[in-house]
């Protein structure tokens, strides 16, 4: 990435030839809840899609997914489910409350739930058709789902064929449940785009969260890039991502790419 270039989002859409967002967009898209992101993806995420969120530790992946779920539950009354393989519910709620997101209250309103599993437990659940996950989705009427993280799950499989078949089954289950889903992964963005059979190759969309040093003299900076989104004329630029008091925001000045 090279020097920054100031670009107004409205101007960017005009210059790039992107179409204006249609009035009936809500029929097939849903807002992400991340200010500034939806204008880069024709107004929102495709309903029922599986979105892979990739990035190194500290890039903001868990916060990104929690903000997506909180916006759906709090603003749209769309029940959300967070499946975690590592963090406890208490840790997640404490992290979220720092941004003013009260998931405890949403849980009391039956608009949110956390399920914690060991990775090997999920393998059995998927093979059985979903088990406790499917039951929770049906009971709560889940519309939005996030998984943190798929990396631990895929490490269970030493054989590439088994890994791919398991990922295919996993994504098929998510599509069957008709939830708009975010899957967090530690996979490098370049690998998620190009490796055939990877979770990125099989997902409907890939959003990369970068956490890089622009040069040797500067500190690390957060940014976001939409690498892939099926059926969407999305931006291919990198945009700064800021951590603010109420969550993440995609800023409007683009970072040009080499």
C-alpha atoms as a PDB file:
ATOM      1  CA  UNK A   1       0.000   0.000   0.000  1.00  0.00           C
ATOM      2  CA  UNK A   2       1.250   3.450  -0.821  1.00  0.00           C
ATOM      3  CA  UNK A   3       0.243   6.989   0.138  1.00  0.00           C
ATOM      4  CA  UNK A   4      -3.246   7.909   1.209  1.00  0.00           C
ATOM      5  CA  UNK A   5      -5.681   9.478  -1.199  1.00  0.00           C
ATOM      6  CA  UNK A   6      -8.681  11.452   0.033  1.00  0.00           C
ATOM      7  CA  UNK A   7     -11.849  10.117  -1.589  1.00  0.00           C
ATOM      8  CA  UNK A   8     -15.425  10.971  -0.684  1.00  0.00           C
ATOM      9  CA  UNK A   9     -17.564   7.830  -0.769  1.00  0.00           C
ATOM     10  CA  UNK A  10     -20.311   9.439  -2.852  1.00  0.00           C
ATOM     11  CA  UNK A  11     -17.712  10.699  -5.333  1.00  0.00           C
ATOM     12  CA  UNK A  12     -16.041   7.287  -5.347  1.00  0.00           C
ATOM     13  CA  UNK A  13     -19.310   5.593  -6.298  1.00  0.00           C
ATOM     14  CA  UNK A  14     -19.864   8.055  -9.146  1.00  0.00           C
ATOM     15  CA  UNK A  15     -16.325   7.830 -10.508  1.00  0.00           C
ATOM     16  CA  UNK A  16     -16.234   4.040 -10.311  1.00  0.00           C
ATOM     17  CA  UNK A  17     -19.550   3.770 -12.156  1.00  0.00           C
ATOM     18  CA  UNK A  18     -21.278   1.915  -9.340  1.00  0.00           C
ATOM     19  CA  UNK A  19     -25.047   1.974  -9.421  1.00  0.00           C
ATOM     20  CA  UNK A  20     -27.069   3.830  -6.753  1.00  0.00           C
ATOM     21  CA  UNK A  21     -28.568   1.663  -4.053  1.00  0.00           C
ATOM     22  CA  UNK A  22     -32.129   0.620  -5.036  1.00  0.00           C
ATOM     23  CA  UNK A  23     -35.046   1.536  -2.782  1.00  0.00           C
ATOM     24  CA  UNK A  24     -36.079  -2.105  -2.266  1.00  0.00           C
ATOM     25  CA  UNK A  25     -32.591  -3.187  -1.172  1.00  0.00           C
ATOM     26  CA  UNK A  26     -33.874  -4.668   2.117  1.00  0.00           C
ATOM     27  CA  UNK A  27     -35.463  -7.516   0.159  1.00  0.00           C
ATOM     28  CA  UNK A  28     -32.094  -9.153  -0.461  1.00  0.00           C
ATOM     29  CA  UNK A  29     -29.498  -7.237   1.597  1.00  0.00           C
ATOM     30  CA  UNK A  30     -29.069  -6.518   5.275  1.00  0.00           C
ATOM     31  CA  UNK A  31     -27.009  -3.711   6.850  1.00  0.00           C
ATOM     32  CA  UNK A  32     -23.718  -4.805   8.375  1.00  0.00           C
ATOM     33  CA  UNK A  33     -23.904  -2.410  11.318  1.00  0.00           C
ATOM     34  CA  UNK A  34     -20.370  -1.194  10.535  1.00  0.00           C
ATOM     35  CA  UNK A  35     -20.652   2.524   9.571  1.00  0.00           C
ATOM     36  CA  UNK A  36     -19.055   3.174   6.194  1.00  0.00           C
ATOM     37  CA  UNK A  37     -18.870  -0.466   5.091  1.00  0.00           C
ATOM     38  CA  UNK A  38     -22.219  -0.896   3.366  1.00  0.00           C
ATOM     39  CA  UNK A  39     -21.520   1.813   0.799  1.00  0.00           C
ATOM     40  CA  UNK A  40     -18.627  -0.334  -0.423  1.00  0.00           C
ATOM     41  CA  UNK A  41     -20.812  -3.411  -0.969  1.00  0.00           C
ATOM     42  CA  UNK A  42     -23.919  -2.055  -2.712  1.00  0.00           C
ATOM     43  CA  UNK A  43     -25.749  -1.297   0.498  1.00  0.00           C
ATOM     44  CA  UNK A  44     -25.183  -4.287   2.743  1.00  0.00           C
ATOM     45  CA  UNK A  45     -24.458  -7.989   3.079  1.00  0.00           C
ATOM     46  CA  UNK A  46     -26.490 -10.441   1.061  1.00  0.00           C
ATOM     47  CA  UNK A  47     -29.074 -12.079   3.291  1.00  0.00           C
ATOM     48  CA  UNK A  48     -28.310 -15.714   4.042  1.00  0.00           C
ATOM     49  CA  UNK A  49     -24.691 -15.403   2.902  1.00  0.00           C
ATOM     50  CA  UNK A  50     -21.575 -16.753   4.599  1.00  0.00           C
ATOM     51  CA  UNK A  51     -18.960 -14.019   5.113  1.00  0.00           C
ATOM     52  CA  UNK A  52     -15.399 -14.938   6.032  1.00  0.00           C
ATOM     53  CA  UNK A  53     -13.602 -12.294   8.138  1.00  0.00           C
ATOM     54  CA  UNK A  54      -9.825 -12.782   8.006  1.00  0.00           C
ATOM     55  CA  UNK A  55      -6.960 -11.023   9.733  1.00  0.00           C
ATOM     56  CA  UNK A  56      -4.063 -11.337  12.135  1.00  0.00           C
ATOM     57  CA  UNK A  57      -4.558 -11.221  15.933  1.00  0.00           C
ATOM     58  CA  UNK A  58      -5.399  -7.676  17.014  1.00  0.00           C
ATOM     59  CA  UNK A  59      -6.950  -6.694  13.682  1.00  0.00           C
ATOM     60  CA  UNK A  60     -10.454  -6.404  15.178  1.00  0.00           C
ATOM     61  CA  UNK A  61     -12.165  -9.561  13.900  1.00  0.00           C
ATOM     62  CA  UNK A  62     -14.095 -10.411  17.076  1.00  0.00           C
ATOM     63  CA  UNK A  63     -15.167  -6.781  17.542  1.00  0.00           C
ATOM     64  CA  UNK A  64     -16.273  -6.683  13.895  1.00  0.00           C
ATOM     65  CA  UNK A  65     -18.460  -9.773  14.354  1.00  0.00           C
ATOM     66  CA  UNK A  66     -19.905  -8.615  17.690  1.00  0.00           C
ATOM     67  CA  UNK A  67     -20.828  -5.239  16.176  1.00  0.00           C
ATOM     68  CA  UNK A  68     -22.598  -7.028  13.312  1.00  0.00           C
ATOM     69  CA  UNK A  69     -24.591  -9.095  15.822  1.00  0.00           C
ATOM     70  CA  UNK A  70     -25.327  -6.213  18.179  1.00  0.00           C
ATOM     71  CA  UNK A  71     -26.630  -3.986  15.392  1.00  0.00           C
ATOM     72  CA  UNK A  72     -28.952  -6.734  14.212  1.00  0.00           C
ATOM     73  CA  UNK A  73     -30.316  -7.516  17.678  1.00  0.00           C
ATOM     74  CA  UNK A  74     -30.507  -3.974  19.074  1.00  0.00           C
ATOM     75  CA  UNK A  75     -31.491  -1.948  16.001  1.00  0.00           C
ATOM     76  CA  UNK A  76     -33.355  -4.474  13.835  1.00  0.00           C
ATOM     77  CA  UNK A  77     -34.624  -6.922  16.490  1.00  0.00           C
ATOM     78  CA  UNK A  78     -32.927  -9.751  14.593  1.00  0.00           C
ATOM     79  CA  UNK A  79     -31.846 -12.449  17.072  1.00  0.00           C
ATOM     80  CA  UNK A  80     -28.141 -13.272  16.964  1.00  0.00           C
ATOM     81  CA  UNK A  81     -26.012 -16.254  17.968  1.00  0.00           C
ATOM     82  CA  UNK A  82     -22.269 -16.202  18.728  1.00  0.00           C
ATOM     83  CA  UNK A  83     -20.462 -19.564  18.649  1.00  0.00           C
ATOM     84  CA  UNK A  84     -17.064 -19.496  20.334  1.00  0.00           C
ATOM     85  CA  UNK A  85     -14.312 -22.098  20.643  1.00  0.00           C
ATOM     86  CA  UNK A  86     -12.155 -20.150  23.076  1.00  0.00           C
ATOM     87  CA  UNK A  87     -13.525 -17.043  24.821  1.00  0.00           C
ATOM     88  CA  UNK A  88     -16.104 -17.324  27.572  1.00  0.00           C
ATOM     89  CA  UNK A  89     -19.409 -15.520  27.472  1.00  0.00           C
ATOM     90  CA  UNK A  90     -18.309 -13.319  30.371  1.00  0.00           C
ATOM     91  CA  UNK A  91     -15.174 -12.255  28.508  1.00  0.00           C
ATOM     92  CA  UNK A  92     -17.118 -11.459  25.336  1.00  0.00           C
ATOM     93  CA  UNK A  93     -19.749  -9.450  27.230  1.00  0.00           C
ATOM     94  CA  UNK A  94     -17.084  -7.489  29.074  1.00  0.00           C
ATOM     95  CA  UNK A  95     -15.273  -6.710  25.822  1.00  0.00           C
ATOM     96  CA  UNK A  96     -18.523  -5.632  24.139  1.00  0.00           C
ATOM     97  CA  UNK A  97     -19.629  -3.444  27.039  1.00  0.00           C
ATOM     98  CA  UNK A  98     -16.562  -1.279  26.450  1.00  0.00           C
ATOM     99  CA  UNK A  99     -18.341  -0.082  23.302  1.00  0.00           C
ATOM    100  CA  UNK A 100     -21.692   0.304  25.062  1.00  0.00           C
ATOM    101  CA  UNK A 101     -23.090  -2.989  23.753  1.00  0.00           C
ATOM    102  CA  UNK A 102     -25.146  -4.625  26.494  1.00  0.00           C
ATOM    103  CA  UNK A 103     -25.459  -8.222  25.350  1.00  0.00           C
ATOM    104  CA  UNK A 104     -26.709  -9.298  28.779  1.00  0.00           C
ATOM    105  CA  UNK A 105     -29.825  -7.203  28.250  1.00  0.00           C
ATOM    106  CA  UNK A 106     -30.247  -8.529  24.710  1.00  0.00           C
ATOM    107  CA  UNK A 107     -29.977 -12.052  26.100  1.00  0.00           C
ATOM    108  CA  UNK A 108     -32.732 -11.271  28.617  1.00  0.00           C
ATOM    109  CA  UNK A 109     -34.865 -10.064  25.705  1.00  0.00           C
ATOM    110  CA  UNK A 110     -34.165 -13.363  23.885  1.00  0.00           C
ATOM    111  CA  UNK A 111     -32.387 -11.499  21.103  1.00  0.00           C
ATOM    112  CA  UNK A 112     -28.917 -12.949  21.669  1.00  0.00           C
ATOM    113  CA  UNK A 113     -27.137 -16.060  22.891  1.00  0.00           C
ATOM    114  CA  UNK A 114     -23.593 -17.411  23.155  1.00  0.00           C
ATOM    115  CA  UNK A 115     -22.766 -21.090  22.682  1.00  0.00           C
ATOM    116  CA  UNK A 116     -19.326 -22.348  23.669  1.00  0.00           C
ATOM    117  CA  UNK A 117     -17.949 -25.596  22.260  1.00  0.00           C
ATOM    118  CA  UNK A 118     -14.709 -27.459  21.835  1.00  0.00           C
ATOM    119  CA  UNK A 119     -13.860 -27.737  18.124  1.00  0.00           C
ATOM    120  CA  UNK A 120     -14.273 -31.536  18.095  1.00  0.00           C
ATOM    121  CA  UNK A 121     -17.800 -31.175  19.494  1.00  0.00           C
ATOM    122  CA  UNK A 122     -18.877 -29.159  16.468  1.00  0.00           C
ATOM    123  CA  UNK A 123     -17.760 -31.926  14.106  1.00  0.00           C
ATOM    124  CA  UNK A 124     -20.274 -34.284  15.680  1.00  0.00           C
ATOM    125  CA  UNK A 125     -22.989 -31.633  15.707  1.00  0.00           C
ATOM    126  CA  UNK A 126     -22.529 -30.904  11.996  1.00  0.00           C
ATOM    127  CA  UNK A 127     -22.603 -34.613  11.143  1.00  0.00           C
ATOM    128  CA  UNK A 128     -25.843 -34.953  13.138  1.00  0.00           C
ATOM    129  CA  UNK A 129     -27.491 -32.065  11.297  1.00  0.00           C
ATOM    130  CA  UNK A 130     -26.670 -29.292  13.750  1.00  0.00           C
ATOM    131  CA  UNK A 131     -27.757 -30.601  17.140  1.00  0.00           C
ATOM    132  CA  UNK A 132     -27.694 -27.923  19.853  1.00  0.00           C
ATOM    133  CA  UNK A 133     -26.779 -25.218  17.320  1.00  0.00           C
ATOM    134  CA  UNK A 134     -29.774 -25.982  15.138  1.00  0.00           C
ATOM    135  CA  UNK A 135     -32.030 -26.146  18.211  1.00  0.00           C
ATOM    136  CA  UNK A 136     -30.857 -22.712  19.406  1.00  0.00           C
ATOM    137  CA  UNK A 137     -31.344 -21.197  15.958  1.00  0.00           C
ATOM    138  CA  UNK A 138     -34.884 -22.551  15.798  1.00  0.00           C
ATOM    139  CA  UNK A 139     -35.749 -21.604  19.388  1.00  0.00           C
ATOM    140  CA  UNK A 140     -34.420 -18.055  19.177  1.00  0.00           C
ATOM    141  CA  UNK A 141     -35.331 -17.447  15.531  1.00  0.00           C
ATOM    142  CA  UNK A 142     -31.697 -16.551  14.775  1.00  0.00           C
ATOM    143  CA  UNK A 143     -31.115 -14.276  11.771  1.00  0.00           C
ATOM    144  CA  UNK A 144     -27.431 -13.460  12.346  1.00  0.00           C
ATOM    145  CA  UNK A 145     -24.688 -15.842  13.392  1.00  0.00           C
ATOM    146  CA  UNK A 146     -20.956 -15.514  14.069  1.00  0.00           C
ATOM    147  CA  UNK A 147     -18.294 -18.183  14.670  1.00  0.00           C
ATOM    148  CA  UNK A 148     -14.979 -17.416  16.415  1.00  0.00           C
ATOM    149  CA  UNK A 149     -12.932 -18.959  15.021  1.00  0.00           C
ATOM    150  CA  UNK A 150     -12.980 -21.512  12.230  1.00  0.00           C
ATOM    151  CA  UNK A 151      -9.186 -21.828  12.431  1.00  0.00           C
ATOM    152  CA  UNK A 152      -9.356 -24.027  15.533  1.00  0.00           C
ATOM    153  CA  UNK A 153     -11.976 -26.210  13.847  1.00  0.00           C
ATOM    154  CA  UNK A 154      -9.984 -26.801  10.656  1.00  0.00           C
ATOM    155  CA  UNK A 155      -6.880 -27.782  12.639  1.00  0.00           C
ATOM    156  CA  UNK A 156      -8.710 -30.979  13.626  1.00  0.00           C
ATOM    157  CA  UNK A 157      -8.186 -32.379  10.133  1.00  0.00           C
ATOM    158  CA  UNK A 158      -4.714 -33.430   8.991  1.00  0.00           C
ATOM    159  CA  UNK A 159      -5.956 -34.667   5.633  1.00  0.00           C
ATOM    160  CA  UNK A 160      -6.777 -31.960   3.052  1.00  0.00           C
ATOM    161  CA  UNK A 161      -9.683 -33.957   1.618  1.00  0.00           C
ATOM    162  CA  UNK A 162     -11.309 -34.430   5.046  1.00  0.00           C
ATOM    163  CA  UNK A 163     -10.743 -30.766   5.844  1.00  0.00           C
ATOM    164  CA  UNK A 164     -12.418 -29.638   2.624  1.00  0.00           C
ATOM    165  CA  UNK A 165     -15.371 -32.010   3.017  1.00  0.00           C
ATOM    166  CA  UNK A 166     -15.894 -30.842   6.586  1.00  0.00           C
ATOM    167  CA  UNK A 167     -15.813 -27.183   5.518  1.00  0.00           C
ATOM    168  CA  UNK A 168     -18.283 -27.889   2.712  1.00  0.00           C
ATOM    169  CA  UNK A 169     -20.664 -29.559   5.192  1.00  0.00           C
ATOM    170  CA  UNK A 170     -20.222 -26.697   7.632  1.00  0.00           C
ATOM    171  CA  UNK A 171     -21.121 -24.042   5.031  1.00  0.00           C
ATOM    172  CA  UNK A 172     -24.020 -26.128   3.705  1.00  0.00           C
ATOM    173  CA  UNK A 173     -25.471 -26.219   7.227  1.00  0.00           C
ATOM    174  CA  UNK A 174     -25.175 -22.429   7.526  1.00  0.00           C
ATOM    175  CA  UNK A 175     -26.987 -21.985   4.204  1.00  0.00           C
ATOM    176  CA  UNK A 176     -29.660 -24.484   5.280  1.00  0.00           C
ATOM    177  CA  UNK A 177     -30.291 -22.417   8.417  1.00  0.00           C
ATOM    178  CA  UNK A 178     -30.716 -19.274   6.266  1.00  0.00           C
ATOM    179  CA  UNK A 179     -28.736 -17.120   8.681  1.00  0.00           C
ATOM    180  CA  UNK A 180     -26.453 -14.307   7.562  1.00  0.00           C
ATOM    181  CA  UNK A 181     -23.208 -15.626   9.001  1.00  0.00           C
ATOM    182  CA  UNK A 182     -19.740 -14.293   9.795  1.00  0.00           C
ATOM    183  CA  UNK A 183     -16.922 -16.791  10.195  1.00  0.00           C
ATOM    184  CA  UNK A 184     -13.700 -15.523  11.776  1.00  0.00           C
ATOM    185  CA  UNK A 185     -10.392 -16.951  10.582  1.00  0.00           C
ATOM    186  CA  UNK A 186      -6.690 -16.348  11.221  1.00  0.00           C
ATOM    187  CA  UNK A 187      -5.969 -17.363   7.618  1.00  0.00           C
ATOM    188  CA  UNK A 188      -3.821 -14.854   5.685  1.00  0.00           C
ATOM    189  CA  UNK A 189      -5.933 -12.896   3.165  1.00  0.00           C
ATOM    190  CA  UNK A 190      -3.865 -14.053   0.187  1.00  0.00           C
ATOM    191  CA  UNK A 191      -4.374 -17.709   1.134  1.00  0.00           C
ATOM    192  CA  UNK A 192      -8.120 -17.267   1.696  1.00  0.00           C
ATOM    193  CA  UNK A 193      -8.467 -15.860  -1.827  1.00  0.00           C
ATOM    194  CA  UNK A 194      -6.412 -18.356  -3.768  1.00  0.00           C
ATOM    195  CA  UNK A 195      -6.216 -21.772  -2.090  1.00  0.00           C
ATOM    196  CA  UNK A 196      -8.778 -24.064  -3.694  1.00  0.00           C
ATOM    197  CA  UNK A 197     -10.871 -25.880  -1.112  1.00  0.00           C
ATOM    198  CA  UNK A 198     -10.141 -23.366   1.640  1.00  0.00           C
ATOM    199  CA  UNK A 199     -12.929 -21.770   3.670  1.00  0.00           C
ATOM    200  CA  UNK A 200     -12.381 -18.538   1.752  1.00  0.00           C
ATOM    201  CA  UNK A 201     -12.706 -20.261  -1.593  1.00  0.00           C
ATOM    202  CA  UNK A 202     -16.034 -21.788  -0.518  1.00  0.00           C
ATOM    203  CA  UNK A 203     -17.564 -18.796   1.297  1.00  0.00           C
ATOM    204  CA  UNK A 204     -19.807 -16.182  -0.330  1.00  0.00           C
ATOM    205  CA  UNK A 205     -17.638 -13.233   0.732  1.00  0.00           C
ATOM    206  CA  UNK A 206     -14.235 -12.417   2.226  1.00  0.00           C
ATOM    207  CA  UNK A 207     -13.560  -9.273   4.248  1.00  0.00           C
ATOM    208  CA  UNK A 208      -9.930  -8.737   5.253  1.00  0.00           C
ATOM    209  CA  UNK A 209      -9.004  -6.708   8.313  1.00  0.00           C
ATOM    210  CA  UNK A 210      -5.410  -5.506   8.026  1.00  0.00           C
ATOM    211  CA  UNK A 211      -3.169  -4.395  10.891  1.00  0.00           C
ATOM    212  CA  UNK A 212       0.029  -3.194   9.245  1.00  0.00           C
ATOM    213  CA  UNK A 213       2.850  -0.697   9.589  1.00  0.00           C
ATOM    214  CA  UNK A 214       2.805   1.637   6.564  1.00  0.00           C
ATOM    215  CA  UNK A 215       6.535   2.225   7.040  1.00  0.00           C
ATOM    216  CA  UNK A 216       9.334   1.548   9.527  1.00  0.00           C
ATOM    217  CA  UNK A 217       8.824   4.840  11.348  1.00  0.00           C
ATOM    218  CA  UNK A 218       5.062   4.521  11.921  1.00  0.00           C
ATOM    219  CA  UNK A 219       2.922   2.472  14.250  1.00  0.00           C
ATOM    220  CA  UNK A 220       0.497  -0.177  13.064  1.00  0.00           C
ATOM    221  CA  UNK A 221      -2.753   0.965  11.444  1.00  0.00           C
ATOM    222  CA  UNK A 222      -6.069  -0.810  11.009  1.00  0.00           C
ATOM    223  CA  UNK A 223      -7.747  -1.042   7.608  1.00  0.00           C
ATOM    224  CA  UNK A 224     -10.426  -3.073   5.815  1.00  0.00           C
ATOM    225  CA  UNK A 225     -10.656  -4.540   2.329  1.00  0.00           C
ATOM    226  CA  UNK A 226     -13.459  -6.451   0.606  1.00  0.00           C
ATOM    227  CA  UNK A 227     -11.640  -9.236  -1.224  1.00  0.00           C
ATOM    228  CA  UNK A 228     -14.695 -11.021  -2.560  1.00  0.00           C
ATOM    229  CA  UNK A 229     -18.491 -10.759  -2.436  1.00  0.00           C
ATOM    230  CA  UNK A 230     -20.530 -12.837  -4.832  1.00  0.00           C
ATOM    231  CA  UNK A 231     -23.232 -11.002  -6.734  1.00  0.00           C
ATOM    232  CA  UNK A 232     -21.890  -7.640  -5.571  1.00  0.00           C
ATOM    233  CA  UNK A 233     -20.076  -4.883  -7.452  1.00  0.00           C
ATOM    234  CA  UNK A 234     -17.930  -4.116  -4.433  1.00  0.00           C
ATOM    235  CA  UNK A 235     -15.063  -1.701  -3.906  1.00  0.00           C
ATOM    236  CA  UNK A 236     -11.577  -3.121  -4.436  1.00  0.00           C
ATOM    237  CA  UNK A 237      -9.830  -0.399  -2.436  1.00  0.00           C
ATOM    238  CA  UNK A 238      -8.439  -0.530   1.078  1.00  0.00           C
ATOM    239  CA  UNK A 239     -10.029   1.839   3.617  1.00  0.00           C
ATOM    240  CA  UNK A 240      -8.844   2.868   7.094  1.00  0.00           C
ATOM    241  CA  UNK A 241     -10.738   1.254   9.954  1.00  0.00           C
ATOM    242  CA  UNK A 242     -11.034   3.256  13.153  1.00  0.00           C
ATOM    243  CA  UNK A 243     -11.875   2.051  16.663  1.00  0.00           C
ATOM    244  CA  UNK A 244     -14.270   4.578  18.182  1.00  0.00           C
ATOM    245  CA  UNK A 245     -16.276   4.809  21.404  1.00  0.00           C
ATOM    246  CA  UNK A 246     -19.308   3.084  19.861  1.00  0.00           C
ATOM    247  CA  UNK A 247     -17.426   0.563  17.744  1.00  0.00           C
ATOM    248  CA  UNK A 248     -15.687   0.263  14.405  1.00  0.00           C
ATOM    249  CA  UNK A 249     -16.062   2.713  11.523  1.00  0.00           C
ATOM    250  CA  UNK A 250     -14.785   2.506   7.951  1.00  0.00           C
ATOM    251  CA  UNK A 251     -13.380   5.918   7.127  1.00  0.00           C
ATOM    252  CA  UNK A 252     -13.931   7.529   3.753  1.00  0.00           C
ATOM    253  CA  UNK A 253     -10.338   8.228   2.676  1.00  0.00           C
ATOM    254  CA  UNK A 254      -9.058   5.355   0.562  1.00  0.00           C
ATOM    255  CA  UNK A 255      -5.628   3.826   0.872  1.00  0.00           C
ATOM    256  CA  UNK A 256      -4.427   3.190  -2.681  1.00  0.00           C
ATOM    257  CA  UNK A 257      -2.888  -0.192  -3.432  1.00  0.00           C
ATOM    258  CA  UNK A 258       0.383  -0.932  -5.219  1.00  0.00           C
END
